């Protein structure tokens, strides 16, 4: 088991140190820090790697919320255009 310091963990995740602490406190699925001594903490490297691997797998398995929202917006716009076309044609 290898413990890595917060700065290393943030770099491994590609995030800022402040984001790391926000994730550690606010994301229930993100690895929790290990208190090594008074003001010294770290993260278990395997847990961080497992978290990142899971996120990669999830992102490739399902469309992201953003992609889903974009598709829904396009469908909605298409339906509005079709209704407008029908309304214009029916009024003639």
N, C-alpha and C. Protein backbone atom coordinates (compact mmCIF):
# COMPACT_ATOMS: atom_id res chain seq x y z
N UNK A 1 0.86 -1.17 0.00
CA UNK A 1 0.00 0.00 0.00
C UNK A 1 0.91 1.23 0.00
N UNK A 2 0.54 2.16 -0.87
CA UNK A 2 1.31 3.40 -0.96
C UNK A 2 0.41 4.58 -0.67
N UNK A 3 0.85 5.45 0.20
CA UNK A 3 0.10 6.67 0.53
C UNK A 3 0.77 7.83 -0.20
N UNK A 4 -0.05 8.60 -0.92
CA UNK A 4 0.48 9.76 -1.63
C UNK A 4 -0.09 11.02 -1.01
N UNK A 5 0.70 12.05 -1.05
CA UNK A 5 0.30 13.32 -0.43
C UNK A 5 -0.79 14.00 -1.27
N UNK A 6 -1.51 14.93 -0.68
CA UNK A 6 -2.61 15.59 -1.38
C UNK A 6 -2.19 16.24 -2.71
N UNK A 7 -1.05 16.89 -2.75
CA UNK A 7 -0.62 17.53 -4.00
C UNK A 7 -0.43 16.50 -5.10
N UNK A 8 0.17 15.36 -4.78
CA UNK A 8 0.34 14.29 -5.76
C UNK A 8 -1.01 13.74 -6.21
N UNK A 9 -1.92 13.62 -5.26
CA UNK A 9 -3.26 13.11 -5.57
C UNK A 9 -3.98 14.05 -6.53
N UNK A 10 -3.90 15.35 -6.23
CA UNK A 10 -4.54 16.35 -7.10
C UNK A 10 -3.95 16.28 -8.51
N UNK A 11 -2.64 16.17 -8.61
CA UNK A 11 -1.99 16.08 -9.92
C UNK A 11 -2.43 14.82 -10.66
N UNK A 12 -2.51 13.71 -9.94
CA UNK A 12 -2.93 12.44 -10.55
C UNK A 12 -4.36 12.55 -11.11
N UNK A 13 -5.21 13.30 -10.40
CA UNK A 13 -6.61 13.48 -10.82
C UNK A 13 -6.76 14.62 -11.83
N UNK A 14 -5.73 15.44 -11.99
CA UNK A 14 -5.81 16.56 -12.93
C UNK A 14 -6.67 17.70 -12.41
N UNK A 15 -6.66 17.89 -11.10
CA UNK A 15 -7.48 18.93 -10.48
C UNK A 15 -6.63 19.79 -9.55
N UNK A 16 -7.19 20.91 -9.12
CA UNK A 16 -6.52 21.78 -8.18
C UNK A 16 -6.62 21.18 -6.77
N UNK A 17 -5.72 21.59 -5.91
CA UNK A 17 -5.71 21.11 -4.54
C UNK A 17 -7.01 21.45 -3.82
N UNK A 18 -7.53 22.63 -4.06
CA UNK A 18 -8.80 23.01 -3.42
C UNK A 18 -9.95 22.12 -3.90
N UNK A 19 -9.93 21.72 -5.16
CA UNK A 19 -10.94 20.82 -5.69
C UNK A 19 -10.81 19.44 -5.05
N UNK A 20 -9.58 19.00 -4.85
CA UNK A 20 -9.34 17.71 -4.19
C UNK A 20 -10.03 17.67 -2.83
N UNK A 21 -9.84 18.72 -2.04
CA UNK A 21 -10.45 18.74 -0.71
C UNK A 21 -11.96 18.83 -0.79
N UNK A 22 -12.47 19.56 -1.78
CA UNK A 22 -13.92 19.64 -1.96
C UNK A 22 -14.49 18.26 -2.33
N UNK A 23 -13.79 17.55 -3.21
CA UNK A 23 -14.23 16.21 -3.59
C UNK A 23 -14.17 15.26 -2.39
N UNK A 24 -13.09 15.33 -1.62
CA UNK A 24 -12.92 14.44 -0.47
C UNK A 24 -14.05 14.64 0.55
N UNK A 25 -14.52 15.87 0.67
CA UNK A 25 -15.60 16.16 1.61
C UNK A 25 -16.98 15.95 1.01
N UNK A 26 -17.15 16.27 -0.28
CA UNK A 26 -18.48 16.31 -0.86
C UNK A 26 -18.88 15.16 -1.75
N UNK A 27 -17.93 14.39 -2.24
CA UNK A 27 -18.27 13.26 -3.13
C UNK A 27 -18.17 11.97 -2.33
N UNK A 28 -19.30 11.31 -2.10
CA UNK A 28 -19.25 10.09 -1.29
C UNK A 28 -18.44 8.96 -1.90
N UNK A 29 -18.28 8.96 -3.23
CA UNK A 29 -17.53 7.88 -3.87
C UNK A 29 -16.04 8.19 -4.03
N UNK A 30 -15.61 9.40 -3.66
CA UNK A 30 -14.20 9.75 -3.77
C UNK A 30 -13.45 9.25 -2.54
N UNK A 31 -12.23 8.73 -2.73
CA UNK A 31 -11.46 8.22 -1.59
C UNK A 31 -11.27 9.27 -0.49
N UNK A 32 -11.34 8.82 0.72
CA UNK A 32 -11.16 9.70 1.87
C UNK A 32 -9.69 9.74 2.27
N UNK A 33 -9.23 10.89 2.76
CA UNK A 33 -7.83 10.98 3.18
C UNK A 33 -7.57 10.16 4.44
N UNK A 34 -6.31 9.80 4.61
CA UNK A 34 -5.85 9.07 5.78
C UNK A 34 -5.03 10.05 6.62
N UNK A 35 -5.36 10.19 7.89
CA UNK A 35 -4.62 11.08 8.78
C UNK A 35 -3.36 10.35 9.22
N UNK A 36 -2.20 10.87 8.85
CA UNK A 36 -0.92 10.23 9.18
C UNK A 36 -0.38 10.74 10.51
N UNK A 37 -0.54 12.02 10.75
CA UNK A 37 -0.16 12.62 12.03
C UNK A 37 -0.86 13.97 12.12
N UNK A 38 -0.61 14.72 13.14
CA UNK A 38 -1.27 15.99 13.39
C UNK A 38 -1.85 16.70 12.19
N UNK A 39 -1.03 17.31 11.37
CA UNK A 39 -1.49 18.06 10.21
C UNK A 39 -1.10 17.40 8.89
N UNK A 40 -0.76 16.14 8.94
CA UNK A 40 -0.29 15.45 7.74
C UNK A 40 -1.30 14.37 7.34
N UNK A 41 -1.74 14.45 6.09
CA UNK A 41 -2.66 13.44 5.59
C UNK A 41 -2.24 13.03 4.19
N UNK A 42 -2.81 11.95 3.72
CA UNK A 42 -2.52 11.46 2.38
C UNK A 42 -3.67 10.60 1.90
N UNK A 43 -3.53 10.09 0.71
CA UNK A 43 -4.55 9.25 0.10
C UNK A 43 -3.90 7.93 -0.30
N UNK A 44 -4.68 6.87 -0.21
CA UNK A 44 -4.17 5.57 -0.64
C UNK A 44 -4.21 5.54 -2.16
N UNK A 45 -3.04 5.37 -2.75
CA UNK A 45 -2.91 5.49 -4.20
C UNK A 45 -3.82 4.52 -4.96
N UNK A 46 -3.94 3.28 -4.48
CA UNK A 46 -4.79 2.30 -5.17
C UNK A 46 -6.25 2.75 -5.18
N UNK A 47 -6.71 3.37 -4.09
CA UNK A 47 -8.10 3.84 -4.04
C UNK A 47 -8.33 4.96 -5.06
N UNK A 48 -7.35 5.85 -5.18
CA UNK A 48 -7.45 6.95 -6.14
C UNK A 48 -7.47 6.40 -7.56
N UNK A 49 -6.58 5.45 -7.83
CA UNK A 49 -6.53 4.86 -9.17
C UNK A 49 -7.82 4.11 -9.50
N UNK A 50 -8.36 3.40 -8.52
CA UNK A 50 -9.63 2.69 -8.73
C UNK A 50 -10.75 3.67 -9.03
N UNK A 51 -10.78 4.79 -8.30
CA UNK A 51 -11.79 5.83 -8.54
C UNK A 51 -11.67 6.35 -9.97
N UNK A 52 -10.46 6.68 -10.40
CA UNK A 52 -10.25 7.22 -11.74
C UNK A 52 -10.62 6.20 -12.82
N UNK A 53 -10.26 4.94 -12.61
CA UNK A 53 -10.61 3.89 -13.58
C UNK A 53 -12.13 3.75 -13.69
N UNK A 54 -12.82 3.83 -12.55
CA UNK A 54 -14.28 3.72 -12.56
C UNK A 54 -14.89 4.91 -13.32
N UNK A 55 -14.35 6.10 -13.11
CA UNK A 55 -14.87 7.28 -13.80
C UNK A 55 -14.66 7.18 -15.30
N UNK A 56 -13.52 6.67 -15.72
CA UNK A 56 -13.26 6.49 -17.15
C UNK A 56 -14.26 5.50 -17.73
N UNK A 57 -14.47 4.39 -17.05
CA UNK A 57 -15.40 3.37 -17.53
C UNK A 57 -16.82 3.93 -17.62
N UNK A 58 -17.24 4.69 -16.61
CA UNK A 58 -18.58 5.29 -16.61
C UNK A 58 -18.74 6.28 -17.76
N UNK A 59 -17.71 7.08 -17.99
CA UNK A 59 -17.82 8.11 -19.03
C UNK A 59 -17.88 7.50 -20.42
N UNK A 60 -17.31 6.33 -20.58
CA UNK A 60 -17.33 5.68 -21.88
C UNK A 60 -18.55 4.79 -22.07
N UNK A 61 -19.21 4.42 -20.98
CA UNK A 61 -20.35 3.52 -21.07
C UNK A 61 -21.65 4.26 -21.36
N UNK A 62 -21.80 5.46 -20.85
CA UNK A 62 -23.06 6.19 -20.98
C UNK A 62 -22.77 7.59 -21.53
N UNK A 63 -23.72 8.17 -22.23
CA UNK A 63 -23.51 9.56 -22.64
C UNK A 63 -23.48 10.45 -21.40
N UNK A 64 -22.70 11.49 -21.47
CA UNK A 64 -22.63 12.41 -20.34
C UNK A 64 -23.93 13.17 -20.21
N UNK A 65 -24.16 13.76 -19.06
CA UNK A 65 -25.36 14.56 -18.87
C UNK A 65 -25.41 15.69 -19.89
N UNK A 66 -24.27 16.27 -20.18
CA UNK A 66 -24.21 17.36 -21.16
C UNK A 66 -24.64 16.86 -22.53
N UNK A 67 -24.12 15.70 -22.96
CA UNK A 67 -24.50 15.16 -24.26
C UNK A 67 -25.99 14.86 -24.30
N UNK A 68 -26.52 14.30 -23.24
CA UNK A 68 -27.93 13.98 -23.18
C UNK A 68 -28.76 15.26 -23.28
N UNK A 69 -28.34 16.31 -22.59
CA UNK A 69 -29.06 17.59 -22.64
C UNK A 69 -29.01 18.19 -24.04
N UNK A 70 -27.88 18.08 -24.70
CA UNK A 70 -27.75 18.63 -26.06
C UNK A 70 -28.67 17.88 -27.01
N UNK A 71 -28.72 16.56 -26.92
CA UNK A 71 -29.59 15.76 -27.78
C UNK A 71 -31.05 16.12 -27.51
N UNK A 72 -31.42 16.25 -26.25
CA UNK A 72 -32.80 16.60 -25.89
C UNK A 72 -33.16 17.99 -26.43
N UNK A 73 -32.25 18.93 -26.36
CA UNK A 73 -32.51 20.28 -26.86
C UNK A 73 -32.70 20.27 -28.38
N UNK A 74 -31.90 19.48 -29.08
CA UNK A 74 -32.04 19.39 -30.53
C UNK A 74 -33.39 18.78 -30.92
N UNK A 75 -33.79 17.73 -30.20
CA UNK A 75 -35.08 17.10 -30.48
C UNK A 75 -36.22 18.08 -30.21
N UNK A 76 -36.11 18.81 -29.13
CA UNK A 76 -37.14 19.79 -28.77
C UNK A 76 -37.24 20.88 -29.84
N UNK A 77 -36.10 21.36 -30.32
CA UNK A 77 -36.10 22.39 -31.36
C UNK A 77 -36.73 21.85 -32.64
N UNK A 78 -36.44 20.61 -32.97
CA UNK A 78 -37.00 19.99 -34.17
C UNK A 78 -38.53 19.89 -34.05
N UNK A 79 -39.01 19.47 -32.91
CA UNK A 79 -40.45 19.36 -32.69
C UNK A 79 -41.10 20.73 -32.79
N UNK A 80 -40.48 21.76 -32.24
CA UNK A 80 -41.04 23.13 -32.33
C UNK A 80 -41.11 23.59 -33.78
N UNK A 81 -40.07 23.31 -34.55
CA UNK A 81 -40.07 23.70 -35.97
C UNK A 81 -41.16 22.96 -36.73
N UNK A 82 -41.33 21.67 -36.45
CA UNK A 82 -42.37 20.90 -37.13
C UNK A 82 -43.76 21.44 -36.79
N UNK A 83 -43.97 21.75 -35.53
CA UNK A 83 -45.27 22.30 -35.13
C UNK A 83 -45.52 23.65 -35.77
N UNK A 84 -44.48 24.48 -35.85
CA UNK A 84 -44.63 25.78 -36.47
C UNK A 84 -44.94 25.64 -37.97
N UNK A 85 -44.29 24.68 -38.61
CA UNK A 85 -44.54 24.43 -40.03
C UNK A 85 -45.98 23.96 -40.25
N UNK A 86 -46.43 23.03 -39.40
CA UNK A 86 -47.79 22.54 -39.51
C UNK A 86 -48.81 23.64 -39.24
N UNK A 87 -48.54 24.46 -38.25
CA UNK A 87 -49.45 25.57 -37.92
C UNK A 87 -49.50 26.56 -39.07
N UNK A 88 -48.39 26.86 -39.70
CA UNK A 88 -48.36 27.81 -40.81
C UNK A 88 -49.09 27.24 -42.02
N UNK A 89 -48.91 25.94 -42.27
CA UNK A 89 -49.56 25.30 -43.41
C UNK A 89 -51.05 25.14 -43.19
N UNK A 90 -51.47 24.90 -41.96
CA UNK A 90 -52.88 24.71 -41.64
C UNK A 90 -53.66 26.02 -41.67
N UNK A 91 -52.98 27.15 -41.50
CA UNK A 91 -53.64 28.45 -41.47
C UNK A 91 -53.93 28.94 -42.88
N UNK A 92 -53.32 28.36 -43.91
CA UNK A 92 -53.49 28.85 -45.27
C UNK A 92 -54.78 28.38 -45.88
